[in-house]
Amino acid sequence: MKGFDGLWNAAVDRIQGERLVDQLRALDFPAALAVLGVGQAPPPEPPPELLDQVAAQVGGADGERVRHALRQLFVARKPPAEAGSQDLLIRALQVGGGIARPGLPVTPEEAAQVLELLRSGEFFSDAAGTTSAVVQLTQQLPRALVRDVPRTPSRLGELGEALVRDGVDAFGHISELAADLLDGQLDRPPSPLTNTLRWLYGNAAATAVAETVRRIIARDNETARLAILIYARAHGIPLTPEGLDALHDGPLNPQDPDLGPALAAGVQALTAQRGGEQGVVGVLRRLRL
């Protein structure tokens, strides 16, 4: 233990107090470890499990019933009919969702939709599909970046041409867009930045990311879509299922990218939230005049 003796003595020499130093210097390796361990703070207790937090928040016998219902649903994977009554399960999902993600309220309608997904078995299959899509992206993205990096400098000229073409097209559609919005609806949405998006999807990395997002928000992945809508609402984003469809079919489609459907869905959400005379619609109407 010669190495230990040198390190220990060097540390002891920095301590003031002759009596204390002499006693510490005489310690062997096990005794020194014991001294170092004295007074150390105990390891922090693990945080309470989500089910325990839910039971504590509800309280009493109802809390225990809610805990049991959530355990049956997500641990034992029992069908909702065997886990508890509809009202109890909806309450359990609402309380559990609020604790798992503070500020992320789950409405009774959304809780009922989760129960239906659990009943049909789609909840766990959707979760597996989403996880698989993300894992595949982590495998594909490094290889895609390796392919893209050498090609990017030679493609920058093409990007400039695409931006110029899209800019010219945008100026040509301003008056048509303003006229179309006079009724508060975008009935004939333009397709802005089409050339730029096609250039972007000429990069393998961008295509891989877009395809992954499309798999996650696809119409048959109801679990992920519901989670995204709840999260967006909690942050004041007026996202709707129709908006997710517009993103999936429009700008995130590498084969035929089109911002038009997403633009129309955005205008519709803005109009519904603020009224046709406000926001972007009001500005375009004044431009028209």
C-alpha atoms as a PDB file:
ATOM      1  CA  MET A   1       0.000   0.000   0.000  1.00  0.00           C
ATOM      2  CA  LYS A   2       2.948   2.311  -0.577  1.00  0.00           C
ATOM      3  CA  GLY A   3       1.005   4.347  -3.111  1.00  0.00           C
ATOM      4  CA  PHE A   4      -1.813   4.836  -0.639  1.00  0.00           C
ATOM      5  CA  ASP A   5       0.587   5.925   2.115  1.00  0.00           C
ATOM      6  CA  GLY A   6       1.994   8.689  -0.054  1.00  0.00           C
ATOM      7  CA  LEU A   7      -1.396  10.029  -1.095  1.00  0.00           C
ATOM      8  CA  TRP A   8      -2.825   9.756   2.408  1.00  0.00           C
ATOM      9  CA  ASN A   9       0.112  11.532   4.052  1.00  0.00           C
ATOM     10  CA  ALA A  10      -0.018  14.330   1.470  1.00  0.00           C
ATOM     11  CA  ALA A  11      -3.700  14.857   2.261  1.00  0.00           C
ATOM     12  CA  VAL A  12      -3.124  14.719   6.025  1.00  0.00           C
ATOM     13  CA  ASP A  13      -0.345  17.318   5.790  1.00  0.00           C
ATOM     14  CA  ARG A  14      -2.925  19.881   4.646  1.00  0.00           C
ATOM     15  CA  ILE A  15      -4.923  19.492   7.874  1.00  0.00           C
ATOM     16  CA  GLN A  16      -4.273  21.894  10.723  1.00  0.00           C
ATOM     17  CA  GLY A  17      -4.059  20.517  14.263  1.00  0.00           C
ATOM     18  CA  GLU A  18      -1.054  18.518  15.437  1.00  0.00           C
ATOM     19  CA  ARG A  19      -2.927  15.956  17.551  1.00  0.00           C
ATOM     20  CA  LEU A  20      -5.398  15.213  14.786  1.00  0.00           C
ATOM     21  CA  VAL A  21      -2.664  14.912  12.172  1.00  0.00           C
ATOM     22  CA  ASP A  22      -0.678  12.373  14.179  1.00  0.00           C
ATOM     23  CA  GLN A  23      -3.742  10.175  14.697  1.00  0.00           C
ATOM     24  CA  LEU A  24      -4.746  10.333  11.029  1.00  0.00           C
ATOM     25  CA  ARG A  25      -1.225   9.596   9.803  1.00  0.00           C
ATOM     26  CA  ALA A  26      -1.196   6.355  11.777  1.00  0.00           C
ATOM     27  CA  LEU A  27      -4.303   4.966  10.033  1.00  0.00           C
ATOM     28  CA  ASP A  28      -4.017   2.080   7.610  1.00  0.00           C
ATOM     29  CA  PHE A  29      -6.039   1.775   4.393  1.00  0.00           C
ATOM     30  CA  PRO A  30      -9.282   0.207   5.809  1.00  0.00           C
ATOM     31  CA  ALA A  31      -9.323   2.637   8.729  1.00  0.00           C
ATOM     32  CA  ALA A  32      -8.854   5.597   6.381  1.00  0.00           C
ATOM     33  CA  LEU A  33     -11.830   4.448   4.299  1.00  0.00           C
ATOM     34  CA  ALA A  34     -13.923   4.210   7.465  1.00  0.00           C
ATOM     35  CA  VAL A  35     -12.959   7.758   8.476  1.00  0.00           C
ATOM     36  CA  LEU A  36     -13.769   9.114   5.013  1.00  0.00           C
ATOM     37  CA  GLY A  37     -17.176   7.452   5.121  1.00  0.00           C
ATOM     38  CA  VAL A  38     -18.167   8.995   8.444  1.00  0.00           C
ATOM     39  CA  GLY A  39     -20.421  12.002   8.086  1.00  0.00           C
ATOM     40  CA  GLN A  40     -21.184  11.409   4.424  1.00  0.00           C
ATOM     41  CA  ALA A  41     -24.769  12.224   3.491  1.00  0.00           C
ATOM     42  CA  PRO A  42     -26.881   9.124   2.943  1.00  0.00           C
ATOM     43  CA  PRO A  43     -27.803   8.412  -0.647  1.00  0.00           C
ATOM     44  CA  PRO A  44     -30.990  10.180  -1.714  1.00  0.00           C
ATOM     45  CA  GLU A  45     -34.115   8.097  -1.544  1.00  0.00           C
ATOM     46  CA  PRO A  46     -35.512   7.108  -4.905  1.00  0.00           C
ATOM     47  CA  PRO A  47     -38.417   9.280  -6.017  1.00  0.00           C
ATOM     48  CA  PRO A  48     -41.830   7.781  -5.389  1.00  0.00           C
ATOM     49  CA  GLU A  49     -43.319   5.800  -8.236  1.00  0.00           C
ATOM     50  CA  LEU A  50     -45.949   7.463 -10.374  1.00  0.00           C
ATOM     51  CA  LEU A  51     -48.634   5.077  -9.109  1.00  0.00           C
ATOM     52  CA  ASP A  52     -47.837   6.050  -5.510  1.00  0.00           C
ATOM     53  CA  GLN A  53     -48.014   9.740  -6.386  1.00  0.00           C
ATOM     54  CA  VAL A  54     -51.394   9.255  -8.050  1.00  0.00           C
ATOM     55  CA  ALA A  55     -52.740   7.354  -5.039  1.00  0.00           C
ATOM     56  CA  ALA A  56     -51.456  10.032  -2.659  1.00  0.00           C
ATOM     57  CA  GLN A  57     -53.020  12.847  -4.664  1.00  0.00           C
ATOM     58  CA  VAL A  58     -56.421  11.178  -4.855  1.00  0.00           C
ATOM     59  CA  GLY A  59     -56.184   9.967  -1.269  1.00  0.00           C
ATOM     60  CA  GLY A  60     -58.005   7.348   0.770  1.00  0.00           C
ATOM     61  CA  ALA A  61     -59.675   4.282  -0.633  1.00  0.00           C
ATOM     62  CA  ASP A  62     -60.253   6.030  -3.972  1.00  0.00           C
ATOM     63  CA  GLY A  63     -56.513   6.548  -4.291  1.00  0.00           C
ATOM     64  CA  GLU A  64     -55.858   2.856  -3.810  1.00  0.00           C
ATOM     65  CA  ARG A  65     -58.496   1.968  -6.387  1.00  0.00           C
ATOM     66  CA  VAL A  66     -56.923   4.409  -8.864  1.00  0.00           C
ATOM     67  CA  ARG A  67     -53.459   2.924  -8.206  1.00  0.00           C
ATOM     68  CA  HIS A  68     -54.793  -0.588  -8.784  1.00  0.00           C
ATOM     69  CA  ALA A  69     -56.514   0.463 -12.014  1.00  0.00           C
ATOM     70  CA  LEU A  70     -53.353   2.030 -13.473  1.00  0.00           C
ATOM     71  CA  ARG A  71     -51.272  -0.981 -12.468  1.00  0.00           C
ATOM     72  CA  GLN A  72     -53.725  -3.302 -14.182  1.00  0.00           C
ATOM     73  CA  LEU A  73     -53.686  -1.183 -17.340  1.00  0.00           C
ATOM     74  CA  PHE A  74     -49.988  -0.479 -17.819  1.00  0.00           C
ATOM     75  CA  VAL A  75     -48.152  -3.129 -15.781  1.00  0.00           C
ATOM     76  CA  ALA A  76     -50.369  -6.190 -16.064  1.00  0.00           C
ATOM     77  CA  ARG A  77     -51.695  -4.956 -19.453  1.00  0.00           C
ATOM     78  CA  LYS A  78     -55.213  -6.024 -18.609  1.00  0.00           C
ATOM     79  CA  PRO A  79     -58.041  -4.799 -20.860  1.00  0.00           C
ATOM     80  CA  PRO A  80     -59.892  -1.761 -19.485  1.00  0.00           C
ATOM     81  CA  ALA A  81     -63.003  -3.827 -18.768  1.00  0.00           C
ATOM     82  CA  GLU A  82     -60.995  -5.927 -16.284  1.00  0.00           C
ATOM     83  CA  ALA A  83     -59.062  -3.006 -14.764  1.00  0.00           C
ATOM     84  CA  GLY A  84     -61.974  -0.987 -13.386  1.00  0.00           C
ATOM     85  CA  SER A  85     -65.050   1.032 -14.226  1.00  0.00           C
ATOM     86  CA  GLN A  86     -64.984   3.581 -17.054  1.00  0.00           C
ATOM     87  CA  ASP A  87     -65.297   6.557 -14.694  1.00  0.00           C
ATOM     88  CA  LEU A  88     -62.525   5.273 -12.425  1.00  0.00           C
ATOM     89  CA  LEU A  89     -60.158   4.654 -15.331  1.00  0.00           C
ATOM     90  CA  ILE A  90     -60.787   8.078 -16.846  1.00  0.00           C
ATOM     91  CA  ARG A  91     -60.054   9.713 -13.494  1.00  0.00           C
ATOM     92  CA  ALA A  92     -56.907   7.612 -13.091  1.00  0.00           C
ATOM     93  CA  LEU A  93     -55.612   8.635 -16.516  1.00  0.00           C
ATOM     94  CA  GLN A  94     -56.361  12.299 -15.895  1.00  0.00           C
ATOM     95  CA  VAL A  95     -54.591  12.369 -12.533  1.00  0.00           C
ATOM     96  CA  GLY A  96     -51.688  10.253 -13.761  1.00  0.00           C
ATOM     97  CA  GLY A  97     -51.227  12.397 -16.868  1.00  0.00           C
ATOM     98  CA  GLY A  98     -51.201  15.581 -14.813  1.00  0.00           C
ATOM     99  CA  ILE A  99     -48.480  14.200 -12.508  1.00  0.00           C
ATOM    100  CA  ALA A 100     -46.355  12.636 -15.235  1.00  0.00           C
ATOM    101  CA  ARG A 101     -46.353  15.871 -17.229  1.00  0.00           C
ATOM    102  CA  PRO A 102     -47.266  18.872 -15.055  1.00  0.00           C
ATOM    103  CA  GLY A 103     -49.243  21.444 -16.981  1.00  0.00           C
ATOM    104  CA  LEU A 104     -50.311  18.828 -19.502  1.00  0.00           C
ATOM    105  CA  PRO A 105     -53.991  18.321 -18.737  1.00  0.00           C
ATOM    106  CA  VAL A 106     -55.820  15.314 -20.135  1.00  0.00           C
ATOM    107  CA  THR A 107     -59.478  15.918 -20.929  1.00  0.00           C
ATOM    108  CA  PRO A 108     -62.118  13.250 -20.218  1.00  0.00           C
ATOM    109  CA  GLU A 109     -62.552  12.780 -23.967  1.00  0.00           C
ATOM    110  CA  GLU A 110     -58.833  12.156 -24.439  1.00  0.00           C
ATOM    111  CA  ALA A 111     -58.754   9.763 -21.489  1.00  0.00           C
ATOM    112  CA  ALA A 112     -61.656   7.858 -23.045  1.00  0.00           C
ATOM    113  CA  GLN A 113     -59.729   7.694 -26.318  1.00  0.00           C
ATOM    114  CA  VAL A 114     -56.707   6.246 -24.491  1.00  0.00           C
ATOM    115  CA  LEU A 115     -58.975   3.598 -22.964  1.00  0.00           C
ATOM    116  CA  GLU A 116     -60.260   2.655 -26.398  1.00  0.00           C
ATOM    117  CA  LEU A 117     -56.692   2.360 -27.677  1.00  0.00           C
ATOM    118  CA  LEU A 118     -55.871   0.135 -24.716  1.00  0.00           C
ATOM    119  CA  ARG A 119     -59.003  -1.963 -25.257  1.00  0.00           C
ATOM    120  CA  SER A 120     -58.166  -2.579 -28.909  1.00  0.00           C
ATOM    121  CA  GLY A 121     -54.474  -3.228 -28.227  1.00  0.00           C
ATOM    122  CA  GLU A 122     -53.396  -0.317 -30.437  1.00  0.00           C
ATOM    123  CA  PHE A 123     -51.780   1.557 -27.545  1.00  0.00           C
ATOM    124  CA  PHE A 124     -48.877  -0.862 -27.119  1.00  0.00           C
ATOM    125  CA  SER A 125     -48.522  -1.630 -30.826  1.00  0.00           C
ATOM    126  CA  ASP A 126     -48.383   2.126 -31.584  1.00  0.00           C
ATOM    127  CA  ALA A 127     -45.783   2.590 -28.860  1.00  0.00           C
ATOM    128  CA  ALA A 128     -43.685  -0.228 -30.324  1.00  0.00           C
ATOM    129  CA  GLY A 129     -43.976   1.225 -33.824  1.00  0.00           C
ATOM    130  CA  THR A 130     -42.970   4.698 -32.665  1.00  0.00           C
ATOM    131  CA  THR A 131     -39.979   3.330 -30.766  1.00  0.00           C
ATOM    132  CA  SER A 132     -38.938   1.305 -33.804  1.00  0.00           C
ATOM    133  CA  ALA A 133     -39.106   4.403 -36.037  1.00  0.00           C
ATOM    134  CA  VAL A 134     -36.881   6.406 -33.687  1.00  0.00           C
ATOM    135  CA  VAL A 135     -34.374   3.568 -33.336  1.00  0.00           C
ATOM    136  CA  GLN A 136     -34.157   3.196 -37.110  1.00  0.00           C
ATOM    137  CA  LEU A 137     -33.536   6.930 -37.447  1.00  0.00           C
ATOM    138  CA  THR A 138     -30.623   6.788 -34.999  1.00  0.00           C
ATOM    139  CA  GLN A 139     -29.113   4.068 -37.180  1.00  0.00           C
ATOM    140  CA  GLN A 140     -29.791   5.765 -40.520  1.00  0.00           C
ATOM    141  CA  LEU A 141     -28.902   9.350 -39.676  1.00  0.00           C
ATOM    142  CA  PRO A 142     -25.118   8.981 -39.215  1.00  0.00           C
ATOM    143  CA  ARG A 143     -24.793   7.114 -42.515  1.00  0.00           C
ATOM    144  CA  ALA A 144     -26.985   9.693 -44.256  1.00  0.00           C
ATOM    145  CA  LEU A 145     -24.865  12.573 -42.942  1.00  0.00           C
ATOM    146  CA  VAL A 146     -21.720  10.854 -44.186  1.00  0.00           C
ATOM    147  CA  ARG A 147     -23.263  10.693 -47.672  1.00  0.00           C
ATOM    148  CA  ASP A 148     -24.557  14.271 -47.569  1.00  0.00           C
ATOM    149  CA  VAL A 149     -21.473  16.141 -46.359  1.00  0.00           C
ATOM    150  CA  PRO A 150     -19.279  15.600 -49.466  1.00  0.00           C
ATOM    151  CA  ARG A 151     -22.188  16.483 -51.802  1.00  0.00           C
ATOM    152  CA  THR A 152     -23.426  19.627 -50.074  1.00  0.00           C
ATOM    153  CA  PRO A 153     -20.868  22.181 -51.399  1.00  0.00           C
ATOM    154  CA  SER A 154     -21.579  21.237 -55.003  1.00  0.00           C
ATOM    155  CA  ARG A 155     -25.338  21.563 -54.413  1.00  0.00           C
ATOM    156  CA  LEU A 156     -25.300  25.063 -52.901  1.00  0.00           C
ATOM    157  CA  GLY A 157     -25.701  26.626 -56.340  1.00  0.00           C
ATOM    158  CA  GLU A 158     -28.872  24.576 -56.849  1.00  0.00           C
ATOM    159  CA  LEU A 159     -30.202  25.860 -53.522  1.00  0.00           C
ATOM    160  CA  GLY A 160     -29.750  29.460 -54.659  1.00  0.00           C
ATOM    161  CA  GLU A 161     -31.638  28.766 -57.875  1.00  0.00           C
ATOM    162  CA  ALA A 162     -34.456  27.062 -55.946  1.00  0.00           C
ATOM    163  CA  LEU A 163     -34.809  30.025 -53.563  1.00  0.00           C
ATOM    164  CA  VAL A 164     -34.938  32.491 -56.462  1.00  0.00           C
ATOM    165  CA  ARG A 165     -37.630  30.502 -58.277  1.00  0.00           C
ATOM    166  CA  ASP A 166     -39.684  30.159 -55.098  1.00  0.00           C
ATOM    167  CA  GLY A 167     -39.320  33.872 -54.371  1.00  0.00           C
ATOM    168  CA  VAL A 168     -40.580  34.833 -57.811  1.00  0.00           C
ATOM    169  CA  ASP A 169     -43.528  32.458 -57.461  1.00  0.00           C
ATOM    170  CA  ALA A 170     -44.388  33.861 -54.024  1.00  0.00           C
ATOM    171  CA  PHE A 171     -44.588  37.446 -55.290  1.00  0.00           C
ATOM    172  CA  GLY A 172     -46.835  36.305 -58.091  1.00  0.00           C
ATOM    173  CA  HIS A 173     -49.296  34.674 -55.682  1.00  0.00           C
ATOM    174  CA  ILE A 174     -49.654  37.457 -53.093  1.00  0.00           C
ATOM    175  CA  SER A 175     -52.673  39.127 -54.677  1.00  0.00           C
ATOM    176  CA  GLU A 176     -54.368  35.782 -55.375  1.00  0.00           C
ATOM    177  CA  LEU A 177     -53.750  34.690 -51.791  1.00  0.00           C
ATOM    178  CA  ALA A 178     -55.192  37.913 -50.374  1.00  0.00           C
ATOM    179  CA  ALA A 179     -58.306  37.602 -52.541  1.00  0.00           C
ATOM    180  CA  ASP A 180     -58.793  33.985 -51.527  1.00  0.00           C
ATOM    181  CA  LEU A 181     -58.639  34.914 -47.838  1.00  0.00           C
ATOM    182  CA  LEU A 182     -61.387  37.512 -47.991  1.00  0.00           C
ATOM    183  CA  ASP A 183     -63.891  34.935 -46.715  1.00  0.00           C
ATOM    184  CA  GLY A 184     -61.543  33.814 -43.924  1.00  0.00           C
ATOM    185  CA  GLN A 185     -60.760  30.511 -45.681  1.00  0.00           C
ATOM    186  CA  LEU A 186     -57.855  29.448 -47.868  1.00  0.00           C
ATOM    187  CA  ASP A 187     -59.789  27.571 -50.551  1.00  0.00           C
ATOM    188  CA  ARG A 188     -56.990  27.455 -53.122  1.00  0.00           C
ATOM    189  CA  PRO A 189     -53.760  27.224 -51.129  1.00  0.00           C
ATOM    190  CA  PRO A 190     -50.581  27.968 -53.063  1.00  0.00           C
ATOM    191  CA  SER A 191     -47.571  25.679 -52.941  1.00  0.00           C
ATOM    192  CA  PRO A 192     -44.738  27.899 -51.656  1.00  0.00           C
ATOM    193  CA  LEU A 193     -41.096  26.826 -51.402  1.00  0.00           C
ATOM    194  CA  THR A 194     -41.670  23.702 -53.475  1.00  0.00           C
ATOM    195  CA  ASN A 195     -38.299  23.943 -55.209  1.00  0.00           C
ATOM    196  CA  THR A 196     -36.501  24.603 -51.928  1.00  0.00           C
ATOM    197  CA  LEU A 197     -38.163  21.623 -50.268  1.00  0.00           C
ATOM    198  CA  ARG A 198     -37.205  19.374 -53.153  1.00  0.00           C
ATOM    199  CA  TRP A 199     -33.604  20.545 -52.803  1.00  0.00           C
ATOM    200  CA  LEU A 200     -33.774  19.851 -49.067  1.00  0.00           C
ATOM    201  CA  TYR A 201     -35.062  16.321 -49.607  1.00  0.00           C
ATOM    202  CA  GLY A 202     -32.181  15.726 -51.973  1.00  0.00           C
ATOM    203  CA  ASN A 203     -30.226  15.281 -48.733  1.00  0.00           C
ATOM    204  CA  ALA A 204     -30.477  11.785 -47.302  1.00  0.00           C
ATOM    205  CA  ALA A 205     -30.509  13.056 -43.704  1.00  0.00           C
ATOM    206  CA  ALA A 206     -33.478  15.357 -44.295  1.00  0.00           C
ATOM    207  CA  THR A 207     -35.381  12.566 -46.018  1.00  0.00           C
ATOM    208  CA  ALA A 208     -34.699  10.153 -43.140  1.00  0.00           C
ATOM    209  CA  VAL A 209     -35.961  12.652 -40.555  1.00  0.00           C
ATOM    210  CA  ALA A 210     -39.070  13.483 -42.576  1.00  0.00           C
ATOM    211  CA  GLU A 211     -39.943   9.816 -43.101  1.00  0.00           C
ATOM    212  CA  THR A 212     -39.555   9.147 -39.367  1.00  0.00           C
ATOM    213  CA  VAL A 213     -41.842  12.033 -38.418  1.00  0.00           C
ATOM    214  CA  ARG A 214     -44.385  10.846 -41.005  1.00  0.00           C
ATOM    215  CA  ARG A 215     -44.417   7.389 -39.413  1.00  0.00           C
ATOM    216  CA  ILE A 216     -44.970   8.910 -35.978  1.00  0.00           C
ATOM    217  CA  ILE A 217     -47.867  11.192 -37.033  1.00  0.00           C
ATOM    218  CA  ALA A 218     -49.423   8.750 -39.504  1.00  0.00           C
ATOM    219  CA  ARG A 219     -53.197   8.355 -39.288  1.00  0.00           C
ATOM    220  CA  ASP A 220     -52.920   4.808 -37.952  1.00  0.00           C
ATOM    221  CA  ASN A 221     -50.602   5.838 -35.077  1.00  0.00           C
ATOM    222  CA  GLU A 222     -53.401   7.203 -32.921  1.00  0.00           C
ATOM    223  CA  THR A 223     -51.467   6.973 -29.652  1.00  0.00           C
ATOM    224  CA  ALA A 224     -48.599   9.198 -30.787  1.00  0.00           C
ATOM    225  CA  ARG A 225     -51.001  11.630 -32.441  1.00  0.00           C
ATOM    226  CA  LEU A 226     -53.034  11.949 -29.254  1.00  0.00           C
ATOM    227  CA  ALA A 227     -49.886  12.595 -27.200  1.00  0.00           C
ATOM    228  CA  ILE A 228     -48.731  15.266 -29.663  1.00  0.00           C
ATOM    229  CA  LEU A 229     -52.120  17.015 -29.639  1.00  0.00           C
ATOM    230  CA  ILE A 230     -52.245  17.074 -25.818  1.00  0.00           C
ATOM    231  CA  TYR A 231     -48.700  18.446 -25.635  1.00  0.00           C
ATOM    232  CA  ALA A 232     -49.433  21.123 -28.257  1.00  0.00           C
ATOM    233  CA  ARG A 233     -52.606  22.239 -26.489  1.00  0.00           C
ATOM    234  CA  ALA A 234     -50.776  22.560 -23.176  1.00  0.00           C
ATOM    235  CA  HIS A 235     -48.325  24.954 -24.861  1.00  0.00           C
ATOM    236  CA  GLY A 236     -51.003  27.054 -26.551  1.00  0.00           C
ATOM    237  CA  ILE A 237     -50.479  25.603 -30.034  1.00  0.00           C
ATOM    238  CA  PRO A 238     -53.838  25.153 -31.830  1.00  0.00           C
ATOM    239  CA  LEU A 239     -52.830  21.871 -33.459  1.00  0.00           C
ATOM    240  CA  THR A 240     -55.608  19.609 -34.739  1.00  0.00           C
ATOM    241  CA  PRO A 241     -55.747  16.112 -36.250  1.00  0.00           C
ATOM    242  CA  GLU A 242     -56.366  17.806 -39.600  1.00  0.00           C
ATOM    243  CA  GLY A 243     -53.177  19.795 -39.081  1.00  0.00           C
ATOM    244  CA  LEU A 244     -51.175  16.620 -38.513  1.00  0.00           C
ATOM    245  CA  ASP A 245     -52.674  15.148 -41.687  1.00  0.00           C
ATOM    246  CA  ALA A 246     -51.696  18.280 -43.611  1.00  0.00           C
ATOM    247  CA  LEU A 247     -48.098  18.018 -42.382  1.00  0.00           C
ATOM    248  CA  HIS A 248     -47.985  14.303 -43.190  1.00  0.00           C
ATOM    249  CA  ASP A 249     -49.360  14.692 -46.719  1.00  0.00           C
ATOM    250  CA  GLY A 250     -47.721  18.020 -47.580  1.00  0.00           C
ATOM    251  CA  PRO A 251     -44.322  19.371 -46.511  1.00  0.00           C
ATOM    252  CA  LEU A 252     -43.135  16.107 -44.901  1.00  0.00           C
ATOM    253  CA  ASN A 253     -43.672  14.086 -48.078  1.00  0.00           C
ATOM    254  CA  PRO A 254     -40.173  13.789 -49.615  1.00  0.00           C
ATOM    255  CA  GLN A 255     -41.564  12.497 -52.917  1.00  0.00           C
ATOM    256  CA  ASP A 256     -43.905  15.447 -53.519  1.00  0.00           C
ATOM    257  CA  PRO A 257     -43.429  18.156 -50.866  1.00  0.00           C
ATOM    258  CA  ASP A 258     -46.198  20.745 -50.692  1.00  0.00           C
ATOM    259  CA  LEU A 259     -46.610  23.465 -48.062  1.00  0.00           C
ATOM    260  CA  GLY A 260     -50.086  24.334 -49.327  1.00  0.00           C
ATOM    261  CA  PRO A 261     -52.139  21.934 -47.145  1.00  0.00           C
ATOM    262  CA  ALA A 262     -50.195  22.927 -44.017  1.00  0.00           C
ATOM    263  CA  LEU A 263     -50.646  26.623 -44.838  1.00  0.00           C
ATOM    264  CA  ALA A 264     -54.394  26.136 -45.285  1.00  0.00           C
ATOM    265  CA  ALA A 265     -54.664  24.222 -41.998  1.00  0.00           C
ATOM    266  CA  GLY A 266     -52.701  26.955 -40.212  1.00  0.00           C
ATOM    267  CA  VAL A 267     -54.941  29.707 -41.545  1.00  0.00           C
ATOM    268  CA  GLN A 268     -58.027  27.739 -40.554  1.00  0.00           C
ATOM    269  CA  ALA A 269     -56.715  27.261 -37.009  1.00  0.00           C
ATOM    270  CA  LEU A 270     -55.781  30.938 -36.733  1.00  0.00           C
ATOM    271  CA  THR A 271     -59.193  32.007 -37.986  1.00  0.00           C
ATOM    272  CA  ALA A 272     -60.972  29.710 -35.534  1.00  0.00           C
ATOM    273  CA  GLN A 273     -58.814  30.922 -32.638  1.00  0.00           C
ATOM    274  CA  ARG A 274     -58.796  34.683 -33.266  1.00  0.00           C
ATOM    275  CA  GLY A 275     -61.592  35.343 -35.717  1.00  0.00           C
ATOM    276  CA  GLY A 276     -61.450  36.121 -39.407  1.00  0.00           C
ATOM    277  CA  GLU A 277     -60.829  39.832 -38.878  1.00  0.00           C
ATOM    278  CA  GLN A 278     -57.698  39.364 -36.802  1.00  0.00           C
ATOM    279  CA  GLY A 279     -54.200  38.009 -37.155  1.00  0.00           C
ATOM    280  CA  VAL A 280     -52.826  37.120 -40.547  1.00  0.00           C
ATOM    281  CA  VAL A 281     -56.227  37.229 -42.222  1.00  0.00           C
ATOM    282  CA  GLY A 282     -56.808  40.848 -41.187  1.00  0.00           C
ATOM    283  CA  VAL A 283     -53.356  41.881 -42.396  1.00  0.00           C
ATOM    284  CA  LEU A 284     -53.908  40.297 -45.801  1.00  0.00           C
ATOM    285  CA  ARG A 285     -57.286  41.953 -46.127  1.00  0.00           C
ATOM    286  CA  ARG A 286     -55.697  45.357 -45.536  1.00  0.00           C
ATOM    287  CA  LEU A 287     -53.041  44.527 -48.133  1.00  0.00           C
ATOM    288  CA  ARG A 288     -55.819  43.681 -50.553  1.00  0.00           C
ATOM    289  CA  LEU A 289     -57.402  47.081 -49.981  1.00  0.00           C
END
